[in-house]
């Protein structure tokens, strides 16, 4: 099966790309510049495509992202510290982001003769992001089949949608993913901050998976307190 991967440059999507490359089904990476607060992650997506020897499509959605206001990822709002599953992390929601990106990815996949578009949404995303939940991905897959009916048969692949980030780390490690060549931090500093929700979730996932975390964090121990606080909530 020929599969395109929507790749942000983060741990999840880069791991998925490596898993599919190991299965000889990866055809391309598709990334999006939607005016996110830093472009650092796109450099990691480009490095992944070069490493795996596949085309890298970077779609300019900056004008669209400029209209999707109210998120800490597109506006000048502070990114909160704490566990990824905290209510405060809703400030990182970009309205309809996945639906917009996947629609474009499906068009590219259909035009290029791919059989599937894969996205690395996972169980840890469900609380915060409605467009990462199974109800959305199943409905979106059905919608795209109708949209491309008679032209192309492209399906949505979500191998991690019912799995944890720790499962992704395990799968990525098995596929030889160079985790140090992925970027998760929402703050986009010189190194991962270690305090924002996605840094905490990343560090926790390595610990749960029993895989050594090669990431450099500005605050490498904050995650323990954040996880403990979440457990007491």
Foldseek 3Di string as FASTA:
>chain_A
DAEEEAFQQALQRLLVQLLVLVVVRYAEYEYEPQQFPDSVSVVLVVVSCVVSVHYYHYYYNPVVSVVQDQAVGRDVDDFAFFACLDPSNLSHDRPCVVVVRVVVVLVVCLVVVGAEYEYAQADSCVNRYVCSAPVNQVVSQVVVCVVCPPRGHYGYHHPHHHHAVLVSVLSSVVSPRPNQSGDFASVPDPFRACTGNRNLSVLVSCVVNVHDDPGDHPDNPNSVVRVVVVVVD
